[in-house]
Amino acid sequence: MASTSTVDATNLVNQGAEARVYRIRQDEKNVIVKERFSKKYRHPTLDALLTRKRINSEAKCMARAKGAGVDTPTIFRVDKHTSRLYMEDIGTLSVKLFLWANCSTPNPLARATAATSSSVCSTGNTTSSAAVTPNNSAATNSNATYSPDCLRICQDIGRAIAFMHTVDVVHGDLTTSNFLLRTPENTIVAIDFGLSYVSSLIEDKAVDLYVLERAFLCTHPSSGPLFSQVLETYASQYKQGPAVLQRLEQVRLRGRKKLAFG
């Protein structure tokens, strides 16, 4: 693949704890480059081994999920020497931004409750079980309204996770920021498989859903009906879905105890 743009700071789009993301131009199209950087606190040999293992795991889990019917960015190249993944550029519209723009909470009290919930989730300084229970007022306020597109996108998320779990891919970092929308159809694309791994354990899949539930509560307060769409579709599309949801109840209970007692 001939390069018409180099990977440098001028192309940086985002940086997380494990990797930097760049947008470059190659072969007359935009390409996303995800580069895992070394950790100076690790021994160089161990660091190189872990980095290579994780980039391979990410690429394999993406391919495995795509083979199961999940829309993921097409991988153009895996460069093990530079620890880079070259991928299709989907764009920048995330499900998070879409839900913020298209889901409304008209009741002023509900908006205030939502703001309080977001603050609590961002600081992590709560000892209340309400912060994690989907049936509290912040999560399920009946005055929240949702467009058909919002509900459909949440159903698509549930379906995508069901397809992943069917082939034992555990994403590890399910949030509404890690689902992009492919325009103009607004179909969802799962991204950022940096923490993904293969597991057949019901527990691991329940925790995967719990992470997403926490993300919904913290990022989209009053979104109980939206997350219900995720779970209902998930259970209908995955044979072991009901067992995973049953285990999810236990994971929630452990989460409440941890928040309450430390």
C-alpha atoms as a PDB file:
ATOM      1  CA  MET A   1       0.000   0.000   0.000  1.00  0.00           C
ATOM      2  CA  ALA A   2       1.647   3.217  -1.126  1.00  0.00           C
ATOM      3  CA  SER A   3       1.674   5.912   1.516  1.00  0.00           C
ATOM      4  CA  THR A   4       0.872   9.537   0.772  1.00  0.00           C
ATOM      5  CA  SER A   5       0.925  10.619   4.388  1.00  0.00           C
ATOM      6  CA  THR A   6       3.196   9.834   7.298  1.00  0.00           C
ATOM      7  CA  VAL A   7       2.077   8.983  10.808  1.00  0.00           C
ATOM      8  CA  ASP A   8       3.085  11.901  13.023  1.00  0.00           C
ATOM      9  CA  ALA A   9       1.725  14.296  15.628  1.00  0.00           C
ATOM     10  CA  THR A  10      -0.047  16.414  13.018  1.00  0.00           C
ATOM     11  CA  ASN A  11      -2.320  13.459  12.194  1.00  0.00           C
ATOM     12  CA  LEU A  12      -3.140  12.599  15.824  1.00  0.00           C
ATOM     13  CA  VAL A  13      -6.864  12.139  16.448  1.00  0.00           C
ATOM     14  CA  ASN A  14      -6.921  10.689  19.947  1.00  0.00           C
ATOM     15  CA  GLN A  15      -4.676   9.184  22.602  1.00  0.00           C
ATOM     16  CA  GLY A  16      -5.692   6.708  25.270  1.00  0.00           C
ATOM     17  CA  ALA A  17      -3.858   4.781  27.954  1.00  0.00           C
ATOM     18  CA  GLU A  18      -2.688   2.089  25.550  1.00  0.00           C
ATOM     19  CA  ALA A  19      -2.574   3.599  22.062  1.00  0.00           C
ATOM     20  CA  ARG A  20      -2.587   6.639  19.818  1.00  0.00           C
ATOM     21  CA  VAL A  21      -5.017   6.988  16.931  1.00  0.00           C
ATOM     22  CA  TYR A  22      -4.090   8.849  13.736  1.00  0.00           C
ATOM     23  CA  ARG A  23      -5.975   9.715  10.568  1.00  0.00           C
ATOM     24  CA  ILE A  24      -3.809   9.706   7.446  1.00  0.00           C
ATOM     25  CA  ARG A  25      -4.308   9.709   3.687  1.00  0.00           C
ATOM     26  CA  GLN A  26      -3.336   6.579   1.746  1.00  0.00           C
ATOM     27  CA  ASP A  27      -4.245   5.510  -1.768  1.00  0.00           C
ATOM     28  CA  GLU A  28      -6.636   8.445  -2.095  1.00  0.00           C
ATOM     29  CA  LYS A  29      -8.665   7.521   0.981  1.00  0.00           C
ATOM     30  CA  ASN A  30      -8.626   8.270   4.685  1.00  0.00           C
ATOM     31  CA  VAL A  31      -7.095   5.565   6.856  1.00  0.00           C
ATOM     32  CA  ILE A  32      -7.140   5.200  10.634  1.00  0.00           C
ATOM     33  CA  VAL A  33      -3.869   4.099  12.209  1.00  0.00           C
ATOM     34  CA  LYS A  34      -3.920   2.733  15.745  1.00  0.00           C
ATOM     35  CA  GLU A  35      -0.463   2.626  17.270  1.00  0.00           C
ATOM     36  CA  ARG A  36       0.270   0.885  20.544  1.00  0.00           C
ATOM     37  CA  PHE A  37       3.114   2.643  22.309  1.00  0.00           C
ATOM     38  CA  SER A  38       5.683   1.131  24.636  1.00  0.00           C
ATOM     39  CA  LYS A  39       5.398   1.359  28.414  1.00  0.00           C
ATOM     40  CA  LYS A  40       8.647   2.607  29.882  1.00  0.00           C
ATOM     41  CA  TYR A  41       8.022   0.974  33.260  1.00  0.00           C
ATOM     42  CA  ARG A  42       8.141  -2.501  31.672  1.00  0.00           C
ATOM     43  CA  HIS A  43      11.239  -4.407  30.700  1.00  0.00           C
ATOM     44  CA  PRO A  44      11.782  -3.806  26.942  1.00  0.00           C
ATOM     45  CA  THR A  45      11.636  -7.500  26.058  1.00  0.00           C
ATOM     46  CA  LEU A  46       8.439  -8.042  28.039  1.00  0.00           C
ATOM     47  CA  ASP A  47       6.949  -4.838  26.672  1.00  0.00           C
ATOM     48  CA  ALA A  48       7.608  -5.878  23.074  1.00  0.00           C
ATOM     49  CA  LEU A  49       6.117  -9.323  23.724  1.00  0.00           C
ATOM     50  CA  LEU A  50       2.956  -7.954  25.342  1.00  0.00           C
ATOM     51  CA  THR A  51       2.479  -5.267  22.700  1.00  0.00           C
ATOM     52  CA  ARG A  52       2.810  -7.805  19.882  1.00  0.00           C
ATOM     53  CA  LYS A  53       0.416 -10.181  21.621  1.00  0.00           C
ATOM     54  CA  ARG A  54      -2.210  -7.501  22.171  1.00  0.00           C
ATOM     55  CA  ILE A  55      -2.121  -6.118  18.649  1.00  0.00           C
ATOM     56  CA  ASN A  56      -2.490  -9.653  17.284  1.00  0.00           C
ATOM     57  CA  SER A  57      -5.372 -10.335  19.667  1.00  0.00           C
ATOM     58  CA  GLU A  58      -7.128  -7.117  18.675  1.00  0.00           C
ATOM     59  CA  ALA A  59      -6.861  -7.876  14.958  1.00  0.00           C
ATOM     60  CA  LYS A  60      -8.017 -11.489  15.418  1.00  0.00           C
ATOM     61  CA  CYS A  61     -11.001 -10.518  17.601  1.00  0.00           C
ATOM     62  CA  MET A  62     -12.068  -7.879  15.074  1.00  0.00           C
ATOM     63  CA  ALA A  63     -11.860 -10.418  12.261  1.00  0.00           C
ATOM     64  CA  ARG A  64     -13.704 -13.021  14.329  1.00  0.00           C
ATOM     65  CA  ALA A  65     -16.494 -10.544  15.148  1.00  0.00           C
ATOM     66  CA  LYS A  66     -16.759  -9.470  11.508  1.00  0.00           C
ATOM     67  CA  GLY A  67     -17.036 -13.103  10.455  1.00  0.00           C
ATOM     68  CA  ALA A  68     -19.980 -13.459  12.852  1.00  0.00           C
ATOM     69  CA  GLY A  69     -21.822 -10.576  11.202  1.00  0.00           C
ATOM     70  CA  VAL A  70     -20.660  -7.608  13.284  1.00  0.00           C
ATOM     71  CA  ASP A  71     -19.732  -4.535  11.268  1.00  0.00           C
ATOM     72  CA  THR A  72     -16.174  -3.604  12.270  1.00  0.00           C
ATOM     73  CA  PRO A  73     -13.611  -1.446  10.467  1.00  0.00           C
ATOM     74  CA  THR A  74     -11.853  -3.328   7.700  1.00  0.00           C
ATOM     75  CA  ILE A  75      -8.217  -3.970   8.603  1.00  0.00           C
ATOM     76  CA  PHE A  76      -5.877  -3.095   5.744  1.00  0.00           C
ATOM     77  CA  ARG A  77      -2.607  -4.011   7.392  1.00  0.00           C
ATOM     78  CA  VAL A  78      -1.072  -5.169  10.675  1.00  0.00           C
ATOM     79  CA  ASP A  79       2.439  -3.833  11.126  1.00  0.00           C
ATOM     80  CA  LYS A  80       3.992  -5.797  13.983  1.00  0.00           C
ATOM     81  CA  HIS A  81       7.293  -3.899  13.762  1.00  0.00           C
ATOM     82  CA  THR A  82       5.681  -0.522  14.500  1.00  0.00           C
ATOM     83  CA  SER A  83       2.753  -1.966  16.513  1.00  0.00           C
ATOM     84  CA  ARG A  84       0.239  -0.352  14.172  1.00  0.00           C
ATOM     85  CA  LEU A  85      -3.146  -1.360  12.801  1.00  0.00           C
ATOM     86  CA  TYR A  86      -4.172   0.303   9.534  1.00  0.00           C
ATOM     87  CA  MET A  87      -7.972   0.365   9.322  1.00  0.00           C
ATOM     88  CA  GLU A  88     -10.945   1.727   7.472  1.00  0.00           C
ATOM     89  CA  ASP A  89     -11.979   5.248   8.511  1.00  0.00           C
ATOM     90  CA  ILE A  90     -15.640   5.085   9.551  1.00  0.00           C
ATOM     91  CA  GLY A  91     -15.935   8.735  10.565  1.00  0.00           C
ATOM     92  CA  THR A  92     -16.440  10.517  13.867  1.00  0.00           C
ATOM     93  CA  LEU A  93     -20.163  10.183  14.648  1.00  0.00           C
ATOM     94  CA  SER A  94     -20.414   7.931  17.690  1.00  0.00           C
ATOM     95  CA  VAL A  95     -23.569   6.440  19.160  1.00  0.00           C
ATOM     96  CA  LYS A  96     -22.882   8.569  22.226  1.00  0.00           C
ATOM     97  CA  LEU A  97     -23.101  11.805  20.240  1.00  0.00           C
ATOM     98  CA  PHE A  98     -26.122  10.555  18.290  1.00  0.00           C
ATOM     99  CA  LEU A  99     -28.042   9.705  21.464  1.00  0.00           C
ATOM    100  CA  TRP A 100     -27.152  13.042  23.017  1.00  0.00           C
ATOM    101  CA  ALA A 101     -28.469  14.847  19.943  1.00  0.00           C
ATOM    102  CA  ASN A 102     -31.597  12.763  19.359  1.00  0.00           C
ATOM    103  CA  CYS A 103     -32.852  11.703  22.797  1.00  0.00           C
ATOM    104  CA  SER A 104     -34.539  14.302  24.942  1.00  0.00           C
ATOM    105  CA  THR A 105     -35.476  14.513  28.607  1.00  0.00           C
ATOM    106  CA  PRO A 106     -38.109  17.257  28.700  1.00  0.00           C
ATOM    107  CA  ASN A 107     -38.811  17.168  32.436  1.00  0.00           C
ATOM    108  CA  PRO A 108     -36.552  19.741  34.248  1.00  0.00           C
ATOM    109  CA  LEU A 109     -36.393  17.524  37.352  1.00  0.00           C
ATOM    110  CA  ALA A 110     -35.309  14.590  35.201  1.00  0.00           C
ATOM    111  CA  ARG A 111     -32.597  16.752  33.611  1.00  0.00           C
ATOM    112  CA  ALA A 112     -31.343  17.746  37.071  1.00  0.00           C
ATOM    113  CA  THR A 113     -31.352  14.106  38.171  1.00  0.00           C
ATOM    114  CA  ALA A 114     -29.471  13.183  35.009  1.00  0.00           C
ATOM    115  CA  ALA A 115     -26.840  15.848  35.645  1.00  0.00           C
ATOM    116  CA  THR A 116     -26.366  14.627  39.228  1.00  0.00           C
ATOM    117  CA  SER A 117     -26.041  11.033  38.057  1.00  0.00           C
ATOM    118  CA  SER A 118     -23.440  11.996  35.451  1.00  0.00           C
ATOM    119  CA  SER A 119     -21.446  13.883  38.063  1.00  0.00           C
ATOM    120  CA  VAL A 120     -21.511  10.943  40.457  1.00  0.00           C
ATOM    121  CA  CYS A 121     -20.432   8.514  37.746  1.00  0.00           C
ATOM    122  CA  SER A 122     -17.572  10.728  36.573  1.00  0.00           C
ATOM    123  CA  THR A 123     -16.134  11.224  40.063  1.00  0.00           C
ATOM    124  CA  GLY A 124     -16.843   7.714  41.322  1.00  0.00           C
ATOM    125  CA  ASN A 125     -17.529   9.134  44.806  1.00  0.00           C
ATOM    126  CA  THR A 126     -20.842   7.426  45.425  1.00  0.00           C
ATOM    127  CA  THR A 127     -21.830   4.823  47.964  1.00  0.00           C
ATOM    128  CA  SER A 128     -25.393   4.520  46.696  1.00  0.00           C
ATOM    129  CA  SER A 129     -26.719   1.466  44.925  1.00  0.00           C
ATOM    130  CA  ALA A 130     -28.778   3.831  42.742  1.00  0.00           C
ATOM    131  CA  ALA A 131     -25.658   4.537  40.735  1.00  0.00           C
ATOM    132  CA  VAL A 132     -25.649   1.048  39.294  1.00  0.00           C
ATOM    133  CA  THR A 133     -29.246  -0.135  39.347  1.00  0.00           C
ATOM    134  CA  PRO A 134     -31.058   0.227  36.015  1.00  0.00           C
ATOM    135  CA  ASN A 135     -34.432   0.492  37.738  1.00  0.00           C
ATOM    136  CA  ASN A 136     -33.806   3.754  39.589  1.00  0.00           C
ATOM    137  CA  SER A 137     -35.415   7.062  38.608  1.00  0.00           C
ATOM    138  CA  ALA A 138     -32.334   8.387  36.842  1.00  0.00           C
ATOM    139  CA  ALA A 139     -32.171   5.336  34.605  1.00  0.00           C
ATOM    140  CA  THR A 140     -35.850   4.825  33.792  1.00  0.00           C
ATOM    141  CA  ASN A 141     -37.559   8.227  34.074  1.00  0.00           C
ATOM    142  CA  SER A 142     -40.825   7.924  32.155  1.00  0.00           C
ATOM    143  CA  ASN A 143     -40.627  11.523  30.916  1.00  0.00           C
ATOM    144  CA  ALA A 144     -37.664  10.722  28.678  1.00  0.00           C
ATOM    145  CA  THR A 145     -38.537  10.514  24.988  1.00  0.00           C
ATOM    146  CA  TYR A 146     -36.656   8.626  22.314  1.00  0.00           C
ATOM    147  CA  SER A 147     -36.822   8.732  18.558  1.00  0.00           C
ATOM    148  CA  PRO A 148     -37.379   5.486  16.625  1.00  0.00           C
ATOM    149  CA  ASP A 149     -33.780   5.795  15.398  1.00  0.00           C
ATOM    150  CA  CYS A 150     -32.483   5.814  18.986  1.00  0.00           C
ATOM    151  CA  LEU A 151     -34.427   2.673  19.827  1.00  0.00           C
ATOM    152  CA  ARG A 152     -33.369   0.972  16.592  1.00  0.00           C
ATOM    153  CA  ILE A 153     -29.683   1.781  17.190  1.00  0.00           C
ATOM    154  CA  CYS A 154     -29.870   0.309  20.697  1.00  0.00           C
ATOM    155  CA  GLN A 155     -31.449  -2.833  19.261  1.00  0.00           C
ATOM    156  CA  ASP A 156     -28.583  -2.979  16.762  1.00  0.00           C
ATOM    157  CA  ILE A 157     -26.087  -2.718  19.635  1.00  0.00           C
ATOM    158  CA  GLY A 158     -27.748  -5.649  21.399  1.00  0.00           C
ATOM    159  CA  ARG A 159     -27.642  -7.655  18.183  1.00  0.00           C
ATOM    160  CA  ALA A 160     -23.963  -6.853  17.580  1.00  0.00           C
ATOM    161  CA  ILE A 161     -22.993  -7.927  21.109  1.00  0.00           C
ATOM    162  CA  ALA A 162     -25.029 -11.115  20.708  1.00  0.00           C
ATOM    163  CA  PHE A 163     -23.142 -11.928  17.513  1.00  0.00           C
ATOM    164  CA  MET A 164     -19.796 -11.246  19.248  1.00  0.00           C
ATOM    165  CA  HIS A 165     -20.656 -13.436  22.200  1.00  0.00           C
ATOM    166  CA  THR A 166     -21.909 -16.204  19.929  1.00  0.00           C
ATOM    167  CA  VAL A 167     -18.337 -16.621  18.682  1.00  0.00           C
ATOM    168  CA  ASP A 168     -16.959 -16.018  22.224  1.00  0.00           C
ATOM    169  CA  VAL A 169     -15.529 -12.557  21.543  1.00  0.00           C
ATOM    170  CA  VAL A 170     -15.637 -10.480  24.730  1.00  0.00           C
ATOM    171  CA  HIS A 171     -15.139  -6.828  23.793  1.00  0.00           C
ATOM    172  CA  GLY A 172     -13.890  -5.682  27.193  1.00  0.00           C
ATOM    173  CA  ASP A 173     -14.704  -1.985  26.754  1.00  0.00           C
ATOM    174  CA  LEU A 174     -18.296  -1.638  25.594  1.00  0.00           C
ATOM    175  CA  THR A 175     -19.394   1.995  25.669  1.00  0.00           C
ATOM    176  CA  THR A 176     -21.511   4.154  23.392  1.00  0.00           C
ATOM    177  CA  SER A 177     -18.269   5.842  22.307  1.00  0.00           C
ATOM    178  CA  ASN A 178     -17.014   2.522  20.953  1.00  0.00           C
ATOM    179  CA  PHE A 179     -19.864   2.206  18.498  1.00  0.00           C
ATOM    180  CA  LEU A 180     -19.693   4.506  15.483  1.00  0.00           C
ATOM    181  CA  LEU A 181     -22.403   5.160  12.915  1.00  0.00           C
ATOM    182  CA  ARG A 182     -21.775   4.408   9.283  1.00  0.00           C
ATOM    183  CA  THR A 183     -23.470   7.147   7.302  1.00  0.00           C
ATOM    184  CA  PRO A 184     -25.793   7.750   5.578  1.00  0.00           C
ATOM    185  CA  GLU A 185     -27.555   4.562   6.735  1.00  0.00           C
ATOM    186  CA  ASN A 186     -26.650   5.156  10.408  1.00  0.00           C
ATOM    187  CA  THR A 187     -25.780   1.499  10.913  1.00  0.00           C
ATOM    188  CA  ILE A 188     -23.514   0.744  13.866  1.00  0.00           C
ATOM    189  CA  VAL A 189     -19.841  -0.192  13.667  1.00  0.00           C
ATOM    190  CA  ALA A 190     -18.054  -1.707  16.670  1.00  0.00           C
ATOM    191  CA  ILE A 191     -14.584  -0.272  17.272  1.00  0.00           C
ATOM    192  CA  ASP A 192     -11.692  -0.355  19.761  1.00  0.00           C
ATOM    193  CA  PHE A 193     -11.118  -4.044  20.418  1.00  0.00           C
ATOM    194  CA  GLY A 194      -7.911  -3.239  22.331  1.00  0.00           C
ATOM    195  CA  LEU A 195      -9.129  -5.030  25.470  1.00  0.00           C
ATOM    196  CA  SER A 196     -10.974  -7.831  23.685  1.00  0.00           C
ATOM    197  CA  TYR A 197     -10.301 -11.514  24.181  1.00  0.00           C
ATOM    198  CA  VAL A 198     -11.862 -14.887  23.460  1.00  0.00           C
ATOM    199  CA  SER A 199     -13.813 -16.551  26.255  1.00  0.00           C
ATOM    200  CA  SER A 200     -16.760 -18.921  26.478  1.00  0.00           C
ATOM    201  CA  LEU A 201     -17.453 -18.065  30.136  1.00  0.00           C
ATOM    202  CA  ILE A 202     -20.929 -16.740  30.975  1.00  0.00           C
ATOM    203  CA  GLU A 203     -19.339 -14.578  33.677  1.00  0.00           C
ATOM    204  CA  ASP A 204     -17.092 -12.753  31.207  1.00  0.00           C
ATOM    205  CA  LYS A 205     -20.013 -12.015  28.900  1.00  0.00           C
ATOM    206  CA  ALA A 206     -22.140 -10.769  31.803  1.00  0.00           C
ATOM    207  CA  VAL A 207     -19.355  -8.421  32.859  1.00  0.00           C
ATOM    208  CA  ASP A 208     -19.154  -7.212  29.251  1.00  0.00           C
ATOM    209  CA  LEU A 209     -22.828  -6.202  29.475  1.00  0.00           C
ATOM    210  CA  TYR A 210     -22.348  -4.683  32.925  1.00  0.00           C
ATOM    211  CA  VAL A 211     -19.620  -2.396  31.597  1.00  0.00           C
ATOM    212  CA  LEU A 212     -22.015  -1.189  28.905  1.00  0.00           C
ATOM    213  CA  GLU A 213     -24.811  -0.720  31.436  1.00  0.00           C
ATOM    214  CA  ARG A 214     -22.552   1.457  33.565  1.00  0.00           C
ATOM    215  CA  ALA A 215     -21.602   3.449  30.479  1.00  0.00           C
ATOM    216  CA  PHE A 216     -25.271   4.012  29.628  1.00  0.00           C
ATOM    217  CA  LEU A 217     -26.117   5.123  33.158  1.00  0.00           C
ATOM    218  CA  CYS A 218     -23.166   7.477  33.458  1.00  0.00           C
ATOM    219  CA  THR A 219     -23.239   8.909  29.933  1.00  0.00           C
ATOM    220  CA  HIS A 220     -26.963   8.755  29.178  1.00  0.00           C
ATOM    221  CA  PRO A 221     -28.979   9.158  32.400  1.00  0.00           C
ATOM    222  CA  SER A 222     -32.707   8.403  32.081  1.00  0.00           C
ATOM    223  CA  SER A 223     -31.813   5.849  29.413  1.00  0.00           C
ATOM    224  CA  GLY A 224     -33.339   2.789  31.052  1.00  0.00           C
ATOM    225  CA  PRO A 225     -35.697   2.079  28.119  1.00  0.00           C
ATOM    226  CA  LEU A 226     -32.769   2.371  25.709  1.00  0.00           C
ATOM    227  CA  PHE A 227     -30.634  -0.152  27.589  1.00  0.00           C
ATOM    228  CA  SER A 228     -33.679  -2.416  27.880  1.00  0.00           C
ATOM    229  CA  GLN A 229     -33.747  -2.493  24.075  1.00  0.00           C
ATOM    230  CA  VAL A 230     -30.106  -3.604  24.112  1.00  0.00           C
ATOM    231  CA  LEU A 231     -30.778  -6.449  26.557  1.00  0.00           C
ATOM    232  CA  GLU A 232     -34.031  -7.627  24.970  1.00  0.00           C
ATOM    233  CA  THR A 233     -32.469  -7.849  21.526  1.00  0.00           C
ATOM    234  CA  TYR A 234     -29.338  -9.485  22.946  1.00  0.00           C
ATOM    235  CA  ALA A 235     -31.403 -12.190  24.682  1.00  0.00           C
ATOM    236  CA  SER A 236     -33.421 -12.875  21.527  1.00  0.00           C
ATOM    237  CA  GLN A 237     -30.362 -13.160  19.278  1.00  0.00           C
ATOM    238  CA  TYR A 238     -28.031 -15.234  21.464  1.00  0.00           C
ATOM    239  CA  LYS A 239     -28.872 -18.767  22.529  1.00  0.00           C
ATOM    240  CA  GLN A 240     -27.183 -18.337  25.904  1.00  0.00           C
ATOM    241  CA  GLY A 241     -28.534 -14.802  26.296  1.00  0.00           C
ATOM    242  CA  PRO A 242     -30.999 -15.624  29.113  1.00  0.00           C
ATOM    243  CA  ALA A 243     -28.220 -17.320  31.111  1.00  0.00           C
ATOM    244  CA  VAL A 244     -25.944 -14.310  30.610  1.00  0.00           C
ATOM    245  CA  LEU A 245     -28.688 -11.927  31.784  1.00  0.00           C
ATOM    246  CA  GLN A 246     -29.257 -14.075  34.842  1.00  0.00           C
ATOM    247  CA  ARG A 247     -25.543 -13.844  35.648  1.00  0.00           C
ATOM    248  CA  LEU A 248     -25.706 -10.089  35.006  1.00  0.00           C
ATOM    249  CA  GLU A 249     -27.997  -9.782  38.032  1.00  0.00           C
ATOM    250  CA  GLN A 250     -25.273 -11.323  40.186  1.00  0.00           C
ATOM    251  CA  VAL A 251     -22.646  -9.001  38.704  1.00  0.00           C
ATOM    252  CA  ARG A 252     -24.879  -6.012  39.506  1.00  0.00           C
ATOM    253  CA  LEU A 253     -25.234  -7.194  43.089  1.00  0.00           C
ATOM    254  CA  ARG A 254     -21.460  -7.435  43.475  1.00  0.00           C
ATOM    255  CA  GLY A 255     -21.150  -3.962  42.006  1.00  0.00           C
ATOM    256  CA  ARG A 256     -23.604  -2.505  44.517  1.00  0.00           C
ATOM    257  CA  LYS A 257     -21.788  -4.165  47.418  1.00  0.00           C
ATOM    258  CA  LYS A 258     -18.471  -2.832  46.199  1.00  0.00           C
ATOM    259  CA  LEU A 259     -19.815   0.722  45.967  1.00  0.00           C
ATOM    260  CA  ALA A 260     -21.512   0.493  49.355  1.00  0.00           C
ATOM    261  CA  PHE A 261     -18.719  -1.136  51.345  1.00  0.00           C
ATOM    262  CA  GLY A 262     -15.552  -0.622  49.279  1.00  0.00           C
END
